[in-house]
Amino acid sequence: MVMRRQLLLALSLIGAASAALAVDYRSVDVPAAILYDAPSQKGKKLYLIKAQTPVEVVVRLEGWFKVRDAEGSLAWIEARNVAERRMLVVIAPRAEIRQADKPESAVLAELDKWVGLEFVEMASPGWARVRHRDGVTGYVRSTQVWGL
């Protein structure tokens, strides 16, 4: 009986930890947003980030998100400048959008580093279904993009 309770407790803690570790990716929803070193407009302005750039929300305060970008930089952004829309960015020197989620499938488009893509859904392991701004929809290897 004690072993069973300990097992149930361990499983519930694992479940709670998994939920707490869920990654929250979003994207910039304005033409350009200012990133700050503190959660205040009085903070030091670090740099601008353009529309549709994916960010990972790591801390939430009232009206502010502390975010990480594809290069690993951390900064604060006003929450009103971020949307739930999920975008990805190519981090490989070259990425390919393929017709299917298989390495041998036809290449629909080749993309340079830092090109943005709209995330559609997860596909088979190691692949994501994406949409390029020019309308091409297909699959990209998850190792070639950031924001998953």
N, C-alpha and C. Protein backbone atom coordinates (compact mmCIF):
# COMPACT_ATOMS: atom_id res chain seq x y z
N MET A 1 0.83 -1.19 0.00
CA MET A 1 0.00 0.00 0.00
C MET A 1 0.87 1.25 0.00
N VAL A 2 1.92 1.28 0.82
CA VAL A 2 2.82 2.43 0.89
C VAL A 2 3.54 2.59 -0.45
N MET A 3 3.98 1.47 -1.05
CA MET A 3 4.67 1.53 -2.35
C MET A 3 3.74 2.13 -3.41
N ARG A 4 2.49 1.73 -3.36
CA ARG A 4 1.52 2.23 -4.35
C ARG A 4 1.34 3.74 -4.21
N ARG A 5 1.23 4.23 -2.98
CA ARG A 5 1.09 5.67 -2.74
C ARG A 5 2.33 6.42 -3.21
N GLN A 6 3.51 5.86 -2.94
CA GLN A 6 4.75 6.50 -3.38
C GLN A 6 4.82 6.56 -4.91
N LEU A 7 4.39 5.48 -5.56
CA LEU A 7 4.38 5.44 -7.03
C LEU A 7 3.41 6.49 -7.58
N LEU A 8 2.22 6.57 -7.00
CA LEU A 8 1.25 7.57 -7.46
C LEU A 8 1.76 8.99 -7.25
N LEU A 9 2.41 9.23 -6.12
CA LEU A 9 2.98 10.54 -5.85
C LEU A 9 4.07 10.86 -6.87
N ALA A 10 4.94 9.91 -7.15
CA ALA A 10 6.01 10.13 -8.12
C ALA A 10 5.44 10.43 -9.50
N LEU A 11 4.42 9.68 -9.92
CA LEU A 11 3.81 9.91 -11.23
C LEU A 11 3.14 11.28 -11.30
N SER A 12 2.49 11.70 -10.22
CA SER A 12 1.85 13.02 -10.23
C SER A 12 2.89 14.13 -10.28
N LEU A 13 4.02 13.95 -9.59
CA LEU A 13 5.09 14.95 -9.64
C LEU A 13 5.71 15.03 -11.03
N ILE A 14 5.88 13.89 -11.69
CA ILE A 14 6.40 13.89 -13.06
C ILE A 14 5.44 14.62 -13.98
N GLY A 15 4.15 14.37 -13.83
CA GLY A 15 3.15 15.05 -14.65
C GLY A 15 3.17 16.55 -14.42
N ALA A 16 3.28 16.97 -13.19
CA ALA A 16 3.33 18.41 -12.87
C ALA A 16 4.60 19.04 -13.44
N ALA A 17 5.71 18.33 -13.34
CA ALA A 17 6.97 18.86 -13.88
C ALA A 17 6.90 18.98 -15.39
N SER A 18 6.28 18.01 -16.06
CA SER A 18 6.15 18.08 -17.52
C SER A 18 5.33 19.29 -17.93
N ALA A 19 4.24 19.53 -17.23
CA ALA A 19 3.41 20.69 -17.55
C ALA A 19 4.17 21.98 -17.31
N ALA A 20 4.94 22.02 -16.26
CA ALA A 20 5.71 23.23 -15.93
C ALA A 20 6.81 23.47 -16.96
N LEU A 21 7.30 22.41 -17.58
CA LEU A 21 8.39 22.53 -18.55
C LEU A 21 7.89 22.78 -19.97
N ALA A 22 6.59 22.86 -20.17
CA ALA A 22 6.06 23.10 -21.50
C ALA A 22 6.61 24.42 -22.04
N VAL A 23 7.10 24.39 -23.27
CA VAL A 23 7.71 25.57 -23.88
C VAL A 23 6.61 26.39 -24.55
N ASP A 24 6.65 27.70 -24.37
CA ASP A 24 5.64 28.61 -24.90
C ASP A 24 6.26 29.48 -25.99
N TYR A 25 6.08 29.08 -27.24
CA TYR A 25 6.58 29.87 -28.37
C TYR A 25 5.46 30.76 -28.89
N ARG A 26 5.81 31.98 -29.22
CA ARG A 26 4.88 32.94 -29.80
C ARG A 26 5.63 33.72 -30.87
N SER A 27 5.00 34.78 -31.41
CA SER A 27 5.69 35.60 -32.40
C SER A 27 5.36 37.07 -32.22
N VAL A 28 6.27 37.90 -32.70
CA VAL A 28 6.08 39.36 -32.63
C VAL A 28 4.93 39.73 -33.55
N ASP A 29 4.03 40.58 -33.06
CA ASP A 29 2.79 40.89 -33.78
C ASP A 29 2.69 42.35 -34.24
N VAL A 30 3.79 43.07 -34.20
CA VAL A 30 3.83 44.46 -34.67
C VAL A 30 4.99 44.59 -35.66
N PRO A 31 5.00 45.63 -36.50
CA PRO A 31 6.09 45.75 -37.49
C PRO A 31 7.49 45.69 -36.87
N ALA A 32 7.67 46.32 -35.72
CA ALA A 32 8.94 46.25 -34.98
C ALA A 32 8.64 46.50 -33.51
N ALA A 33 9.27 45.72 -32.66
CA ALA A 33 9.08 45.87 -31.21
C ALA A 33 10.43 46.09 -30.56
N ILE A 34 10.42 46.88 -29.50
CA ILE A 34 11.65 47.16 -28.74
C ILE A 34 11.82 46.10 -27.67
N LEU A 35 13.04 45.60 -27.55
CA LEU A 35 13.38 44.69 -26.47
C LEU A 35 14.20 45.46 -25.44
N TYR A 36 13.86 45.25 -24.17
CA TYR A 36 14.45 45.99 -23.05
C TYR A 36 15.23 45.06 -22.13
N ASP A 37 16.08 45.66 -21.30
CA ASP A 37 16.83 44.89 -20.31
C ASP A 37 16.05 44.68 -19.01
N ALA A 38 14.89 45.32 -18.89
CA ALA A 38 14.04 45.21 -17.71
C ALA A 38 12.58 45.34 -18.14
N PRO A 39 11.64 44.87 -17.33
CA PRO A 39 10.23 44.95 -17.70
C PRO A 39 9.64 46.35 -17.48
N SER A 40 10.16 47.32 -18.21
CA SER A 40 9.71 48.70 -18.09
C SER A 40 10.16 49.49 -19.31
N GLN A 41 9.34 50.42 -19.75
CA GLN A 41 9.75 51.29 -20.85
C GLN A 41 10.89 52.21 -20.43
N LYS A 42 11.15 52.29 -19.14
CA LYS A 42 12.28 53.08 -18.65
C LYS A 42 13.58 52.28 -18.65
N GLY A 43 13.47 50.98 -18.96
CA GLY A 43 14.65 50.13 -19.03
C GLY A 43 15.50 50.49 -20.24
N LYS A 44 16.69 49.95 -20.29
CA LYS A 44 17.60 50.19 -21.42
C LYS A 44 17.07 49.47 -22.65
N LYS A 45 16.97 50.21 -23.76
CA LYS A 45 16.53 49.62 -25.02
C LYS A 45 17.70 48.83 -25.60
N LEU A 46 17.48 47.54 -25.84
CA LEU A 46 18.55 46.67 -26.31
C LEU A 46 18.60 46.58 -27.84
N TYR A 47 17.48 46.25 -28.45
CA TYR A 47 17.41 46.15 -29.91
C TYR A 47 15.96 46.02 -30.36
N LEU A 48 15.75 46.10 -31.67
CA LEU A 48 14.43 45.94 -32.27
C LEU A 48 14.29 44.52 -32.79
N ILE A 49 13.08 44.03 -32.76
CA ILE A 49 12.78 42.71 -33.30
C ILE A 49 11.61 42.87 -34.26
N LYS A 50 11.70 42.26 -35.43
CA LYS A 50 10.69 42.50 -36.47
C LYS A 50 9.48 41.58 -36.37
N ALA A 51 8.43 41.96 -37.07
CA ALA A 51 7.18 41.21 -37.09
C ALA A 51 7.41 39.76 -37.48
N GLN A 52 6.64 38.89 -36.90
CA GLN A 52 6.61 37.45 -37.15
C GLN A 52 7.84 36.70 -36.67
N THR A 53 8.73 37.37 -35.96
CA THR A 53 9.89 36.69 -35.40
C THR A 53 9.43 35.81 -34.24
N PRO A 54 9.82 34.54 -34.23
CA PRO A 54 9.44 33.69 -33.10
C PRO A 54 10.24 34.02 -31.84
N VAL A 55 9.58 33.91 -30.70
CA VAL A 55 10.23 34.09 -29.41
C VAL A 55 9.70 33.02 -28.46
N GLU A 56 10.52 32.66 -27.50
CA GLU A 56 10.11 31.73 -26.45
C GLU A 56 9.86 32.53 -25.19
N VAL A 57 8.66 32.45 -24.66
CA VAL A 57 8.33 33.16 -23.42
C VAL A 57 8.88 32.35 -22.25
N VAL A 58 9.75 32.97 -21.46
CA VAL A 58 10.35 32.27 -20.31
C VAL A 58 9.87 32.81 -18.96
N VAL A 59 9.43 34.07 -18.93
CA VAL A 59 8.88 34.67 -17.70
C VAL A 59 7.73 35.59 -18.10
N ARG A 60 6.69 35.61 -17.26
CA ARG A 60 5.55 36.50 -17.49
C ARG A 60 5.36 37.40 -16.28
N LEU A 61 5.25 38.68 -16.54
CA LEU A 61 4.87 39.65 -15.52
C LEU A 61 3.71 40.44 -16.10
N GLU A 62 3.01 41.16 -15.28
CA GLU A 62 1.87 41.91 -15.78
C GLU A 62 2.30 42.86 -16.90
N GLY A 63 1.81 42.58 -18.11
CA GLY A 63 2.08 43.42 -19.27
C GLY A 63 3.42 43.18 -19.94
N TRP A 64 4.22 42.27 -19.43
CA TRP A 64 5.57 42.03 -19.98
C TRP A 64 5.88 40.54 -20.08
N PHE A 65 6.68 40.18 -21.10
CA PHE A 65 7.23 38.83 -21.24
C PHE A 65 8.75 38.94 -21.31
N LYS A 66 9.42 38.06 -20.60
CA LYS A 66 10.86 37.89 -20.81
C LYS A 66 10.96 36.79 -21.86
N VAL A 67 11.64 37.09 -22.96
CA VAL A 67 11.68 36.15 -24.09
C VAL A 67 13.11 35.79 -24.47
N ARG A 68 13.22 34.64 -25.10
CA ARG A 68 14.49 34.18 -25.66
C ARG A 68 14.29 34.13 -27.17
N ASP A 69 15.29 34.61 -27.93
CA ASP A 69 15.20 34.54 -29.39
C ASP A 69 16.01 33.35 -29.90
N ALA A 70 16.04 33.17 -31.21
CA ALA A 70 16.70 32.02 -31.83
C ALA A 70 18.20 31.98 -31.57
N GLU A 71 18.79 33.11 -31.23
CA GLU A 71 20.22 33.15 -30.93
C GLU A 71 20.51 32.94 -29.45
N GLY A 72 19.45 32.81 -28.65
CA GLY A 72 19.61 32.57 -27.22
C GLY A 72 19.60 33.81 -26.36
N SER A 73 19.47 34.99 -26.95
CA SER A 73 19.44 36.23 -26.18
C SER A 73 18.14 36.34 -25.38
N LEU A 74 18.25 36.87 -24.16
CA LEU A 74 17.09 37.09 -23.31
C LEU A 74 16.84 38.58 -23.18
N ALA A 75 15.57 38.98 -23.24
CA ALA A 75 15.20 40.38 -23.09
C ALA A 75 13.72 40.47 -22.77
N TRP A 76 13.28 41.67 -22.40
CA TRP A 76 11.88 41.92 -22.06
C TRP A 76 11.18 42.61 -23.22
N ILE A 77 9.93 42.21 -23.45
CA ILE A 77 9.09 42.80 -24.50
C ILE A 77 7.70 43.03 -23.91
N GLU A 78 7.06 44.10 -24.34
CA GLU A 78 5.69 44.34 -23.88
C GLU A 78 4.80 43.23 -24.42
N ALA A 79 3.99 42.64 -23.56
CA ALA A 79 3.14 41.51 -23.93
C ALA A 79 2.19 41.86 -25.08
N ARG A 80 1.78 43.11 -25.16
CA ARG A 80 0.84 43.52 -26.22
C ARG A 80 1.46 43.42 -27.61
N ASN A 81 2.78 43.31 -27.70
CA ASN A 81 3.48 43.21 -28.99
C ASN A 81 3.71 41.77 -29.45
N VAL A 82 3.16 40.83 -28.68
CA VAL A 82 3.39 39.41 -28.97
C VAL A 82 2.04 38.72 -29.18
N ALA A 83 1.98 37.86 -30.21
CA ALA A 83 0.76 37.12 -30.51
C ALA A 83 0.98 35.63 -30.24
N GLU A 84 -0.10 34.90 -30.10
CA GLU A 84 0.00 33.45 -29.91
C GLU A 84 0.35 32.73 -31.20
N ARG A 85 0.24 33.41 -32.33
CA ARG A 85 0.57 32.80 -33.62
C ARG A 85 1.98 32.24 -33.57
N ARG A 86 2.14 31.03 -34.00
CA ARG A 86 3.42 30.34 -33.90
C ARG A 86 4.18 30.43 -35.21
N MET A 87 5.37 30.99 -35.13
CA MET A 87 6.25 31.10 -36.28
C MET A 87 7.54 30.34 -35.98
N LEU A 88 8.25 29.98 -37.03
CA LEU A 88 9.55 29.33 -36.92
C LEU A 88 10.54 30.16 -37.72
N VAL A 89 11.83 29.97 -37.47
CA VAL A 89 12.85 30.65 -38.25
C VAL A 89 13.91 29.61 -38.62
N VAL A 90 14.40 29.69 -39.85
CA VAL A 90 15.44 28.77 -40.30
C VAL A 90 16.75 29.12 -39.58
N ILE A 91 17.37 28.11 -38.97
CA ILE A 91 18.65 28.33 -38.29
C ILE A 91 19.79 27.58 -39.00
N ALA A 92 19.45 26.72 -39.94
CA ALA A 92 20.47 26.02 -40.72
C ALA A 92 20.94 26.94 -41.84
N PRO A 93 22.14 26.74 -42.35
CA PRO A 93 22.60 27.57 -43.47
C PRO A 93 21.64 27.48 -44.67
N ARG A 94 20.99 26.35 -44.81
CA ARG A 94 20.02 26.13 -45.89
C ARG A 94 18.99 25.11 -45.39
N ALA A 95 17.73 25.37 -45.63
CA ALA A 95 16.66 24.44 -45.26
C ALA A 95 15.82 24.15 -46.49
N GLU A 96 15.15 23.02 -46.46
CA GLU A 96 14.30 22.63 -47.58
C GLU A 96 12.88 22.37 -47.10
N ILE A 97 11.92 22.90 -47.83
CA ILE A 97 10.52 22.52 -47.60
C ILE A 97 10.26 21.37 -48.56
N ARG A 98 9.84 20.25 -48.01
CA ARG A 98 9.60 19.05 -48.82
C ARG A 98 8.10 18.77 -48.93
N GLN A 99 7.75 18.02 -49.95
CA GLN A 99 6.35 17.70 -50.22
C GLN A 99 5.76 16.81 -49.13
N ALA A 100 6.57 15.93 -48.58
CA ALA A 100 6.12 15.04 -47.51
C ALA A 100 7.18 15.01 -46.41
N ASP A 101 6.83 14.44 -45.28
CA ASP A 101 7.76 14.40 -44.15
C ASP A 101 8.70 13.20 -44.24
N LYS A 102 9.38 13.14 -45.39
CA LYS A 102 10.35 12.07 -45.65
C LYS A 102 11.54 12.68 -46.38
N PRO A 103 12.77 12.27 -46.03
CA PRO A 103 13.96 12.88 -46.64
C PRO A 103 14.05 12.69 -48.15
N GLU A 104 13.41 11.65 -48.67
CA GLU A 104 13.48 11.40 -50.11
C GLU A 104 12.37 12.10 -50.90
N SER A 105 11.47 12.79 -50.23
CA SER A 105 10.37 13.44 -50.95
C SER A 105 10.85 14.69 -51.70
N ALA A 106 10.06 15.12 -52.66
CA ALA A 106 10.42 16.24 -53.54
C ALA A 106 10.61 17.54 -52.74
N VAL A 107 11.61 18.32 -53.16
CA VAL A 107 11.88 19.62 -52.54
C VAL A 107 10.98 20.66 -53.22
N LEU A 108 10.19 21.36 -52.43
CA LEU A 108 9.29 22.40 -52.96
C LEU A 108 9.95 23.77 -52.92
N ALA A 109 10.83 24.01 -51.94
CA ALA A 109 11.50 25.30 -51.82
C ALA A 109 12.77 25.13 -51.00
N GLU A 110 13.77 25.95 -51.31
CA GLU A 110 14.99 26.01 -50.52
C GLU A 110 15.03 27.37 -49.85
N LEU A 111 15.40 27.39 -48.58
CA LEU A 111 15.35 28.60 -47.78
C LEU A 111 16.70 28.92 -47.17
N ASP A 112 17.02 30.20 -47.13
CA ASP A 112 18.25 30.66 -46.49
C ASP A 112 18.03 30.81 -44.99
N LYS A 113 19.13 30.92 -44.27
CA LYS A 113 19.09 31.13 -42.83
C LYS A 113 18.32 32.41 -42.51
N TRP A 114 17.55 32.39 -41.44
CA TRP A 114 16.75 33.48 -40.89
C TRP A 114 15.43 33.73 -41.63
N VAL A 115 15.07 32.89 -42.59
CA VAL A 115 13.76 33.02 -43.24
C VAL A 115 12.69 32.54 -42.27
N GLY A 116 11.60 33.28 -42.19
CA GLY A 116 10.50 32.92 -41.30
C GLY A 116 9.50 32.00 -41.96
N LEU A 117 8.90 31.13 -41.17
CA LEU A 117 7.88 30.19 -41.64
C LEU A 117 6.76 30.13 -40.63
N GLU A 118 5.55 29.97 -41.11
CA GLU A 118 4.42 29.79 -40.20
C GLU A 118 4.34 28.30 -39.83
N PHE A 119 4.27 28.03 -38.54
CA PHE A 119 4.12 26.66 -38.06
C PHE A 119 2.68 26.23 -38.26
N VAL A 120 2.46 25.09 -38.91
CA VAL A 120 1.11 24.56 -39.12
C VAL A 120 0.81 23.48 -38.09
N GLU A 121 1.70 22.46 -38.02
CA GLU A 121 1.51 21.37 -37.06
C GLU A 121 2.75 20.50 -37.03
N MET A 122 2.88 19.72 -35.97
CA MET A 122 3.95 18.72 -35.90
C MET A 122 3.57 17.58 -36.84
N ALA A 123 4.56 17.01 -37.48
CA ALA A 123 4.33 15.87 -38.37
C ALA A 123 4.97 14.65 -37.72
N SER A 124 5.51 13.77 -38.53
CA SER A 124 6.18 12.60 -37.96
C SER A 124 7.40 13.08 -37.17
N PRO A 125 7.95 12.24 -36.30
CA PRO A 125 9.09 12.68 -35.48
C PRO A 125 10.21 13.29 -36.32
N GLY A 126 10.65 14.49 -35.89
CA GLY A 126 11.73 15.16 -36.60
C GLY A 126 11.28 16.07 -37.73
N TRP A 127 9.98 16.24 -37.92
CA TRP A 127 9.45 17.06 -39.01
C TRP A 127 8.33 17.96 -38.52
N ALA A 128 8.18 19.12 -39.17
CA ALA A 128 7.07 20.03 -38.89
C ALA A 128 6.44 20.46 -40.21
N ARG A 129 5.14 20.60 -40.21
CA ARG A 129 4.45 21.12 -41.39
C ARG A 129 4.45 22.63 -41.27
N VAL A 130 4.84 23.31 -42.36
CA VAL A 130 5.02 24.76 -42.34
C VAL A 130 4.40 25.40 -43.59
N ARG A 131 4.25 26.74 -43.49
CA ARG A 131 3.77 27.52 -44.64
C ARG A 131 4.69 28.71 -44.81
N HIS A 132 5.21 28.89 -46.02
CA HIS A 132 6.06 30.03 -46.35
C HIS A 132 5.16 31.20 -46.74
N ARG A 133 5.63 32.42 -46.57
CA ARG A 133 4.81 33.62 -46.89
C ARG A 133 4.39 33.66 -48.35
N ASP A 134 5.13 32.96 -49.24
CA ASP A 134 4.76 32.91 -50.66
C ASP A 134 3.69 31.86 -50.95
N GLY A 135 3.23 31.15 -49.92
CA GLY A 135 2.15 30.19 -50.07
C GLY A 135 2.58 28.73 -50.13
N VAL A 136 3.86 28.45 -50.24
CA VAL A 136 4.33 27.08 -50.29
C VAL A 136 4.09 26.43 -48.92
N THR A 137 3.41 25.29 -48.93
CA THR A 137 3.16 24.53 -47.70
C THR A 137 3.79 23.16 -47.85
N GLY A 138 4.52 22.75 -46.82
CA GLY A 138 5.16 21.45 -46.87
C GLY A 138 5.80 21.14 -45.54
N TYR A 139 6.86 20.35 -45.59
CA TYR A 139 7.49 19.84 -44.38
C TYR A 139 8.96 20.22 -44.31
N VAL A 140 9.41 20.56 -43.11
CA VAL A 140 10.80 20.92 -42.88
C VAL A 140 11.32 20.10 -41.70
N ARG A 141 12.59 19.75 -41.77
CA ARG A 141 13.20 19.01 -40.65
C ARG A 141 13.25 19.92 -39.42
N SER A 142 12.92 19.38 -38.28
CA SER A 142 12.90 20.18 -37.06
C SER A 142 14.30 20.67 -36.67
N THR A 143 15.35 20.01 -37.13
CA THR A 143 16.72 20.44 -36.82
C THR A 143 17.13 21.65 -37.62
N GLN A 144 16.36 22.03 -38.65
CA GLN A 144 16.70 23.16 -39.51
C GLN A 144 16.02 24.45 -39.10
N VAL A 145 15.12 24.37 -38.10
CA VAL A 145 14.36 25.55 -37.69
C VAL A 145 14.39 25.71 -36.18
N TRP A 146 14.05 26.92 -35.72
CA TRP A 146 13.93 27.20 -34.28
C TRP A 146 12.51 27.69 -34.02
N GLY A 147 11.96 27.25 -32.88
CA GLY A 147 10.63 27.69 -32.49
C GLY A 147 9.68 26.53 -32.26
N LEU A 148 10.20 25.32 -32.23
CA LEU A 148 9.35 24.14 -32.01
C LEU A 148 9.32 23.73 -30.56
